[in-house]
Amino acid sequence: MNISSAIFDCSAPDRDSYPDESLPEFALIGRSNVGKSSLLNLLAGEQNMARVSSTPGFTKLINIFTMNKCWRLVDLPGYGFAQIAREHKARFNKASADYLAHRTNLCLVFALIESGLAPQKIDLEFVEWLVRHSVPFVLVFTKTDKVTAATVQTNIAAFTDRVSAWFEKLPVVFTCSAKTGQGRQELLGVIDEQLTAINAESNRAVVPAEDLVPQTSIRENRKRRPDLNRPW
């Protein structure tokens, strides 16, 4: 996939501020300082599209970008940021939970995990939340340039082992580095596959109503009420 245009759409505090649901969306979320904004810039091919900060929790709003005029990247606030006032943390985490649970044109979530760390409780809890709410996602282990390949593989194995009981089949795992560019084409390939599938579904030939088999998407099957006892 080639990115020919990357345009900032809006910063949304809640669903009333979202753009319409006409375009497929792919969201990035992870623990604060996991390298989310850097990865978003890498995917977009725009070094300064999303502002990168060394301060955990800098992203407070849901930032939405339109790519190639036909799909969107969504930068969700990181969870677990300690330096933001408690009332702001609660508000923005609830906004993320609401987006993930209710946004019908959300195709896939990139759940970011720092590759240099052993499994963190907050990451495990967040993945469990995604599973319970039937949110489609893949795991993306970031900052692989900062540690050895052996450490990356050890931490990935430990993390997938901790979550394996929640799945019949483990989620797909990717690794990436915003510094070296590793993983960019693989992640864009996932997006391309999703868009191709959506286009194929849209272009299906019309068949007689009596021959139709009811189809219910994952999104339509999802529980619509986020767990506000643990707002992300």
C-alpha atoms as a PDB file:
ATOM      1  CA  MET A   1       0.000   0.000   0.000  1.00  0.00           C
ATOM      2  CA  ASN A   2       1.187   3.499  -0.871  1.00  0.00           C
ATOM      3  CA  ILE A   3       0.080   6.534   1.150  1.00  0.00           C
ATOM      4  CA  SER A   4      -0.584   9.385  -1.264  1.00  0.00           C
ATOM      5  CA  SER A   5      -2.269  11.731   1.208  1.00  0.00           C
ATOM      6  CA  ALA A   6      -2.556  12.034   4.977  1.00  0.00           C
ATOM      7  CA  ILE A   7      -4.857  14.761   6.247  1.00  0.00           C
ATOM      8  CA  PHE A   8      -5.699  15.688   9.836  1.00  0.00           C
ATOM      9  CA  ASP A   9      -9.451  15.408  10.241  1.00  0.00           C
ATOM     10  CA  CYS A  10     -10.291  16.389  13.824  1.00  0.00           C
ATOM     11  CA  SER A  11      -9.579  16.033  17.542  1.00  0.00           C
ATOM     12  CA  ALA A  12     -12.679  14.626  19.196  1.00  0.00           C
ATOM     13  CA  PRO A  13     -13.456  14.575  22.941  1.00  0.00           C
ATOM     14  CA  ASP A  14     -16.588  12.425  22.461  1.00  0.00           C
ATOM     15  CA  ARG A  15     -18.809  10.745  19.868  1.00  0.00           C
ATOM     16  CA  ASP A  16     -20.668  13.961  19.078  1.00  0.00           C
ATOM     17  CA  SER A  17     -17.415  15.277  17.601  1.00  0.00           C
ATOM     18  CA  TYR A  18     -16.560  12.270  15.421  1.00  0.00           C
ATOM     19  CA  PRO A  19     -16.706  12.540  11.623  1.00  0.00           C
ATOM     20  CA  ASP A  20     -19.392  10.473   9.911  1.00  0.00           C
ATOM     21  CA  GLU A  21     -19.022   6.688   9.652  1.00  0.00           C
ATOM     22  CA  SER A  22     -18.650   6.577   5.876  1.00  0.00           C
ATOM     23  CA  LEU A  23     -14.960   5.558   5.904  1.00  0.00           C
ATOM     24  CA  PRO A  24     -13.302   2.487   7.455  1.00  0.00           C
ATOM     25  CA  GLU A  25     -11.211   3.281  10.530  1.00  0.00           C
ATOM     26  CA  PHE A  26      -8.125   1.662  12.059  1.00  0.00           C
ATOM     27  CA  ALA A  27      -7.277   2.679  15.614  1.00  0.00           C
ATOM     28  CA  LEU A  28      -4.010   2.668  17.562  1.00  0.00           C
ATOM     29  CA  ILE A  29      -3.983   2.432  21.337  1.00  0.00           C
ATOM     30  CA  GLY A  30      -1.557   1.364  24.043  1.00  0.00           C
ATOM     31  CA  ARG A  31      -0.061   2.216  27.384  1.00  0.00           C
ATOM     32  CA  SER A  32       1.257   5.752  27.656  1.00  0.00           C
ATOM     33  CA  ASN A  33       4.690   6.275  26.074  1.00  0.00           C
ATOM     34  CA  VAL A  34       4.458   3.025  24.097  1.00  0.00           C
ATOM     35  CA  GLY A  35       5.380   4.858  20.885  1.00  0.00           C
ATOM     36  CA  LYS A  36       1.876   5.237  19.492  1.00  0.00           C
ATOM     37  CA  SER A  37       2.227   8.639  17.849  1.00  0.00           C
ATOM     38  CA  SER A  38       5.604   7.690  16.394  1.00  0.00           C
ATOM     39  CA  LEU A  39       4.079   4.576  14.850  1.00  0.00           C
ATOM     40  CA  LEU A  40       1.175   6.567  13.453  1.00  0.00           C
ATOM     41  CA  ASN A  41       3.649   8.942  11.790  1.00  0.00           C
ATOM     42  CA  LEU A  42       5.561   5.959  10.415  1.00  0.00           C
ATOM     43  CA  LEU A  43       2.438   4.401   8.913  1.00  0.00           C
ATOM     44  CA  ALA A  44       1.360   7.692   7.394  1.00  0.00           C
ATOM     45  CA  GLY A  45       4.792   8.479   6.033  1.00  0.00           C
ATOM     46  CA  GLU A  46       4.499  11.923   7.632  1.00  0.00           C
ATOM     47  CA  GLN A  47       7.140  12.635  10.259  1.00  0.00           C
ATOM     48  CA  ASN A  48       5.165  15.318  12.074  1.00  0.00           C
ATOM     49  CA  MET A  49       1.557  14.325  11.413  1.00  0.00           C
ATOM     50  CA  ALA A  50       0.953  13.235  15.012  1.00  0.00           C
ATOM     51  CA  ARG A  51       2.815  15.190  17.668  1.00  0.00           C
ATOM     52  CA  VAL A  52       5.312  13.061  19.559  1.00  0.00           C
ATOM     53  CA  SER A  53       5.976  13.905  23.197  1.00  0.00           C
ATOM     54  CA  SER A  54       8.227  12.452  25.883  1.00  0.00           C
ATOM     55  CA  THR A  55       5.504  13.240  28.425  1.00  0.00           C
ATOM     56  CA  PRO A  56       3.297  10.181  29.080  1.00  0.00           C
ATOM     57  CA  GLY A  57      -0.358  10.829  28.358  1.00  0.00           C
ATOM     58  CA  PHE A  58       0.223  13.750  26.030  1.00  0.00           C
ATOM     59  CA  THR A  59      -2.543  12.581  23.680  1.00  0.00           C
ATOM     60  CA  LYS A  60      -5.757  13.541  25.464  1.00  0.00           C
ATOM     61  CA  LEU A  61      -8.226  13.660  22.572  1.00  0.00           C
ATOM     62  CA  ILE A  62      -9.190  11.145  19.907  1.00  0.00           C
ATOM     63  CA  ASN A  63      -7.205  12.357  16.896  1.00  0.00           C
ATOM     64  CA  ILE A  64      -8.503  11.255  13.508  1.00  0.00           C
ATOM     65  CA  PHE A  65      -6.620  11.371  10.203  1.00  0.00           C
ATOM     66  CA  THR A  66      -7.959  10.633   6.718  1.00  0.00           C
ATOM     67  CA  MET A  67      -5.615   8.560   4.564  1.00  0.00           C
ATOM     68  CA  ASN A  68      -5.727   8.410   0.761  1.00  0.00           C
ATOM     69  CA  LYS A  69      -9.160  10.064   1.055  1.00  0.00           C
ATOM     70  CA  CYS A  70     -10.719   6.651   1.624  1.00  0.00           C
ATOM     71  CA  TRP A  71      -9.881   5.391   5.136  1.00  0.00           C
ATOM     72  CA  ARG A  72      -8.868   6.771   8.534  1.00  0.00           C
ATOM     73  CA  LEU A  73      -6.201   6.268  11.176  1.00  0.00           C
ATOM     74  CA  VAL A  74      -7.384   6.992  14.718  1.00  0.00           C
ATOM     75  CA  ASP A  75      -4.981   7.926  17.505  1.00  0.00           C
ATOM     76  CA  LEU A  76      -6.639   7.029  20.813  1.00  0.00           C
ATOM     77  CA  PRO A  77      -5.411   8.401  24.170  1.00  0.00           C
ATOM     78  CA  GLY A  78      -2.935   6.103  25.881  1.00  0.00           C
ATOM     79  CA  TYR A  79      -4.173   4.353  28.993  1.00  0.00           C
ATOM     80  CA  GLY A  80      -2.462   4.526  32.358  1.00  0.00           C
ATOM     81  CA  PHE A  81      -1.034   8.025  32.128  1.00  0.00           C
ATOM     82  CA  ALA A  82      -0.208   9.275  35.615  1.00  0.00           C
ATOM     83  CA  GLN A  83       0.630  12.917  34.980  1.00  0.00           C
ATOM     84  CA  ILE A  84      -2.824  13.995  33.799  1.00  0.00           C
ATOM     85  CA  ALA A  85      -5.377  15.222  36.339  1.00  0.00           C
ATOM     86  CA  ARG A  86      -7.613  12.411  37.529  1.00  0.00           C
ATOM     87  CA  GLU A  87     -10.812  13.964  36.188  1.00  0.00           C
ATOM     88  CA  HIS A  88      -9.253  14.359  32.723  1.00  0.00           C
ATOM     89  CA  LYS A  89      -7.942  10.819  32.773  1.00  0.00           C
ATOM     90  CA  ALA A  90     -11.378   9.423  33.533  1.00  0.00           C
ATOM     91  CA  ARG A  91     -13.065  11.525  30.872  1.00  0.00           C
ATOM     92  CA  PHE A  92     -10.692  10.666  28.058  1.00  0.00           C
ATOM     93  CA  ASN A  93     -10.454   6.996  28.955  1.00  0.00           C
ATOM     94  CA  LYS A  94     -14.243   6.783  28.881  1.00  0.00           C
ATOM     95  CA  ALA A  95     -14.161   8.427  25.465  1.00  0.00           C
ATOM     96  CA  SER A  96     -11.778   5.736  24.221  1.00  0.00           C
ATOM     97  CA  ALA A  97     -13.937   2.973  25.668  1.00  0.00           C
ATOM     98  CA  ASP A  98     -17.013   4.481  24.050  1.00  0.00           C
ATOM     99  CA  TYR A  99     -15.249   4.720  20.702  1.00  0.00           C
ATOM    100  CA  LEU A 100     -13.991   1.126  20.823  1.00  0.00           C
ATOM    101  CA  ALA A 101     -17.315  -0.314  21.931  1.00  0.00           C
ATOM    102  CA  HIS A 102     -19.653   1.640  19.659  1.00  0.00           C
ATOM    103  CA  ARG A 103     -17.898   2.897  16.530  1.00  0.00           C
ATOM    104  CA  THR A 104     -19.481   0.757  13.811  1.00  0.00           C
ATOM    105  CA  ASN A 105     -16.944   1.600  11.081  1.00  0.00           C
ATOM    106  CA  LEU A 106     -13.989   0.583  13.262  1.00  0.00           C
ATOM    107  CA  CYS A 107     -12.362  -2.260  11.328  1.00  0.00           C
ATOM    108  CA  LEU A 108      -9.372  -3.139  13.464  1.00  0.00           C
ATOM    109  CA  VAL A 109      -7.439  -2.025  16.535  1.00  0.00           C
ATOM    110  CA  PHE A 110      -3.663  -2.088  16.729  1.00  0.00           C
ATOM    111  CA  ALA A 111      -3.042  -2.864  20.416  1.00  0.00           C
ATOM    112  CA  LEU A 112       0.485  -1.626  21.112  1.00  0.00           C
ATOM    113  CA  ILE A 113       2.759  -3.353  23.627  1.00  0.00           C
ATOM    114  CA  GLU A 114       6.323  -2.274  24.432  1.00  0.00           C
ATOM    115  CA  SER A 115       8.584  -5.107  23.318  1.00  0.00           C
ATOM    116  CA  GLY A 116      11.277  -4.434  25.918  1.00  0.00           C
ATOM    117  CA  LEU A 117       9.015  -5.110  28.889  1.00  0.00           C
ATOM    118  CA  ALA A 118       7.771  -8.300  30.485  1.00  0.00           C
ATOM    119  CA  PRO A 119       3.953  -8.569  30.446  1.00  0.00           C
ATOM    120  CA  GLN A 120       2.448  -5.581  32.242  1.00  0.00           C
ATOM    121  CA  LYS A 121      -0.773  -5.950  34.227  1.00  0.00           C
ATOM    122  CA  ILE A 122      -2.380  -2.912  32.606  1.00  0.00           C
ATOM    123  CA  ASP A 123      -1.707  -4.252  29.090  1.00  0.00           C
ATOM    124  CA  LEU A 124      -3.099  -7.653  29.979  1.00  0.00           C
ATOM    125  CA  GLU A 125      -6.226  -6.072  31.465  1.00  0.00           C
ATOM    126  CA  PHE A 126      -6.723  -3.957  28.370  1.00  0.00           C
ATOM    127  CA  VAL A 127      -6.433  -6.940  26.020  1.00  0.00           C
ATOM    128  CA  GLU A 128      -8.934  -8.782  28.206  1.00  0.00           C
ATOM    129  CA  TRP A 129     -11.281  -5.776  27.843  1.00  0.00           C
ATOM    130  CA  LEU A 130     -10.962  -5.950  24.042  1.00  0.00           C
ATOM    131  CA  VAL A 131     -11.753  -9.667  24.118  1.00  0.00           C
ATOM    132  CA  ARG A 132     -14.788  -9.260  26.376  1.00  0.00           C
ATOM    133  CA  HIS A 133     -16.182  -6.550  24.108  1.00  0.00           C
ATOM    134  CA  SER A 134     -15.445  -8.482  20.895  1.00  0.00           C
ATOM    135  CA  VAL A 135     -13.284  -5.708  19.476  1.00  0.00           C
ATOM    136  CA  PRO A 136     -11.189  -7.005  16.541  1.00  0.00           C
ATOM    137  CA  PHE A 137      -7.491  -6.383  17.143  1.00  0.00           C
ATOM    138  CA  VAL A 138      -3.923  -7.440  16.483  1.00  0.00           C
ATOM    139  CA  LEU A 139      -0.964  -7.127  18.846  1.00  0.00           C
ATOM    140  CA  VAL A 140       1.882  -4.826  17.833  1.00  0.00           C
ATOM    141  CA  PHE A 141       5.100  -4.942  19.857  1.00  0.00           C
ATOM    142  CA  THR A 142       6.885  -1.600  19.549  1.00  0.00           C
ATOM    143  CA  LYS A 143      10.395  -0.174  20.008  1.00  0.00           C
ATOM    144  CA  THR A 144      12.180  -3.315  18.829  1.00  0.00           C
ATOM    145  CA  ASP A 145      15.275  -1.237  18.049  1.00  0.00           C
ATOM    146  CA  LYS A 146      15.834  -0.580  21.758  1.00  0.00           C
ATOM    147  CA  VAL A 147      16.343  -4.205  22.861  1.00  0.00           C
ATOM    148  CA  THR A 148      17.835  -7.419  21.509  1.00  0.00           C
ATOM    149  CA  ALA A 149      15.851  -9.697  19.218  1.00  0.00           C
ATOM    150  CA  ALA A 150      16.036 -12.408  21.886  1.00  0.00           C
ATOM    151  CA  THR A 151      14.449 -10.095  24.456  1.00  0.00           C
ATOM    152  CA  VAL A 152      11.666  -9.202  22.028  1.00  0.00           C
ATOM    153  CA  GLN A 153      10.860 -12.847  21.361  1.00  0.00           C
ATOM    154  CA  THR A 154      11.001 -13.740  25.058  1.00  0.00           C
ATOM    155  CA  ASN A 155       8.577 -10.972  25.993  1.00  0.00           C
ATOM    156  CA  ILE A 156       6.216 -11.769  23.109  1.00  0.00           C
ATOM    157  CA  ALA A 157       6.151 -15.422  24.147  1.00  0.00           C
ATOM    158  CA  ALA A 158       5.483 -14.488  27.769  1.00  0.00           C
ATOM    159  CA  PHE A 159       2.665 -12.115  26.810  1.00  0.00           C
ATOM    160  CA  THR A 160       0.925 -14.493  24.404  1.00  0.00           C
ATOM    161  CA  ASP A 161       1.213 -17.270  26.975  1.00  0.00           C
ATOM    162  CA  ARG A 162      -0.549 -15.084  29.562  1.00  0.00           C
ATOM    163  CA  VAL A 163      -3.468 -14.301  27.219  1.00  0.00           C
ATOM    164  CA  SER A 164      -3.731 -17.654  25.424  1.00  0.00           C
ATOM    165  CA  ALA A 165      -6.567 -18.939  27.623  1.00  0.00           C
ATOM    166  CA  TRP A 166      -8.853 -16.185  26.264  1.00  0.00           C
ATOM    167  CA  PHE A 167      -8.671 -17.368  22.652  1.00  0.00           C
ATOM    168  CA  GLU A 168      -9.316 -20.386  20.505  1.00  0.00           C
ATOM    169  CA  LYS A 169      -6.677 -18.917  18.209  1.00  0.00           C
ATOM    170  CA  LEU A 170      -4.174 -16.301  19.342  1.00  0.00           C
ATOM    171  CA  PRO A 171      -4.372 -12.824  17.779  1.00  0.00           C
ATOM    172  CA  VAL A 172      -1.885 -12.025  15.039  1.00  0.00           C
ATOM    173  CA  VAL A 173       1.369 -10.541  16.349  1.00  0.00           C
ATOM    174  CA  PHE A 174       3.530  -7.894  14.655  1.00  0.00           C
ATOM    175  CA  THR A 175       6.734  -6.156  15.666  1.00  0.00           C
ATOM    176  CA  CYS A 176       7.742  -2.643  14.711  1.00  0.00           C
ATOM    177  CA  SER A 177      10.216   0.160  15.188  1.00  0.00           C
ATOM    178  CA  ALA A 178       9.404   3.747  14.307  1.00  0.00           C
ATOM    179  CA  LYS A 179      13.148   4.432  14.232  1.00  0.00           C
ATOM    180  CA  THR A 180      14.141   1.773  11.688  1.00  0.00           C
ATOM    181  CA  GLY A 181      10.835   1.501   9.841  1.00  0.00           C
ATOM    182  CA  GLN A 182      10.475  -2.185  10.693  1.00  0.00           C
ATOM    183  CA  GLY A 183       6.902  -3.442  10.447  1.00  0.00           C
ATOM    184  CA  ARG A 184       5.505  -0.558   8.392  1.00  0.00           C
ATOM    185  CA  GLN A 185       4.774  -2.550   5.255  1.00  0.00           C
ATOM    186  CA  GLU A 186       3.371  -5.473   7.236  1.00  0.00           C
ATOM    187  CA  LEU A 187       0.918  -3.249   9.134  1.00  0.00           C
ATOM    188  CA  LEU A 188      -0.089  -1.365   5.997  1.00  0.00           C
ATOM    189  CA  GLY A 189      -0.589  -4.767   4.379  1.00  0.00           C
ATOM    190  CA  VAL A 190      -3.092  -5.693   7.098  1.00  0.00           C
ATOM    191  CA  ILE A 191      -4.994  -2.475   6.428  1.00  0.00           C
ATOM    192  CA  ASP A 192      -4.892  -3.135   2.691  1.00  0.00           C
ATOM    193  CA  GLU A 193      -6.305  -6.637   3.192  1.00  0.00           C
ATOM    194  CA  GLN A 194      -9.162  -5.260   5.286  1.00  0.00           C
ATOM    195  CA  LEU A 195      -9.983  -2.582   2.718  1.00  0.00           C
ATOM    196  CA  THR A 196      -9.877  -5.124  -0.103  1.00  0.00           C
ATOM    197  CA  ALA A 197     -12.314  -7.346   1.782  1.00  0.00           C
ATOM    198  CA  ILE A 198     -14.643  -4.401   2.420  1.00  0.00           C
ATOM    199  CA  ASN A 199     -14.582  -3.423  -1.255  1.00  0.00           C
ATOM    200  CA  ALA A 200     -15.242  -7.007  -2.309  1.00  0.00           C
ATOM    201  CA  GLU A 201     -18.239  -7.161   0.016  1.00  0.00           C
ATOM    202  CA  SER A 202     -19.553  -3.872  -1.370  1.00  0.00           C
ATOM    203  CA  ASN A 203     -19.203  -5.111  -4.935  1.00  0.00           C
ATOM    204  CA  ARG A 204     -20.956  -8.435  -4.456  1.00  0.00           C
ATOM    205  CA  ALA A 205     -23.547  -9.228  -7.076  1.00  0.00           C
ATOM    206  CA  VAL A 206     -27.144  -8.815  -5.945  1.00  0.00           C
ATOM    207  CA  VAL A 207     -28.891 -12.167  -5.478  1.00  0.00           C
ATOM    208  CA  PRO A 208     -32.577 -12.986  -4.943  1.00  0.00           C
ATOM    209  CA  ALA A 209     -33.734 -12.319  -1.415  1.00  0.00           C
ATOM    210  CA  GLU A 210     -34.758 -15.957  -0.905  1.00  0.00           C
ATOM    211  CA  ASP A 211     -31.181 -17.056  -1.643  1.00  0.00           C
ATOM    212  CA  LEU A 212     -29.597 -14.747   0.872  1.00  0.00           C
ATOM    213  CA  VAL A 213     -28.075 -16.208   4.012  1.00  0.00           C
ATOM    214  CA  PRO A 214     -28.291 -13.715   6.864  1.00  0.00           C
ATOM    215  CA  GLN A 215     -24.886 -12.318   7.619  1.00  0.00           C
ATOM    216  CA  THR A 216     -24.026 -10.649  10.924  1.00  0.00           C
ATOM    217  CA  SER A 217     -20.731  -8.848  11.196  1.00  0.00           C
ATOM    218  CA  ILE A 218     -18.468  -9.027  14.204  1.00  0.00           C
ATOM    219  CA  ARG A 219     -19.255  -5.392  14.839  1.00  0.00           C
ATOM    220  CA  GLU A 220     -23.018  -6.058  14.870  1.00  0.00           C
ATOM    221  CA  ASN A 221     -22.567  -8.935  17.305  1.00  0.00           C
ATOM    222  CA  ARG A 222     -20.602  -6.924  19.771  1.00  0.00           C
ATOM    223  CA  LYS A 223     -21.858  -5.924  23.174  1.00  0.00           C
ATOM    224  CA  ARG A 224     -22.764  -2.287  22.987  1.00  0.00           C
ATOM    225  CA  ARG A 225     -22.193  -1.274  26.576  1.00  0.00           C
ATOM    226  CA  PRO A 226     -18.585  -0.583  27.564  1.00  0.00           C
ATOM    227  CA  ASP A 227     -17.436  -1.634  31.011  1.00  0.00           C
ATOM    228  CA  LEU A 228     -17.363   1.749  32.678  1.00  0.00           C
ATOM    229  CA  ASN A 229     -16.089   0.178  35.883  1.00  0.00           C
ATOM    230  CA  ARG A 230     -12.744   0.139  34.062  1.00  0.00           C
ATOM    231  CA  PRO A 231     -12.840   3.031  31.593  1.00  0.00           C
ATOM    232  CA  TRP A 232      -9.841   3.096  29.314  1.00  0.00           C
END
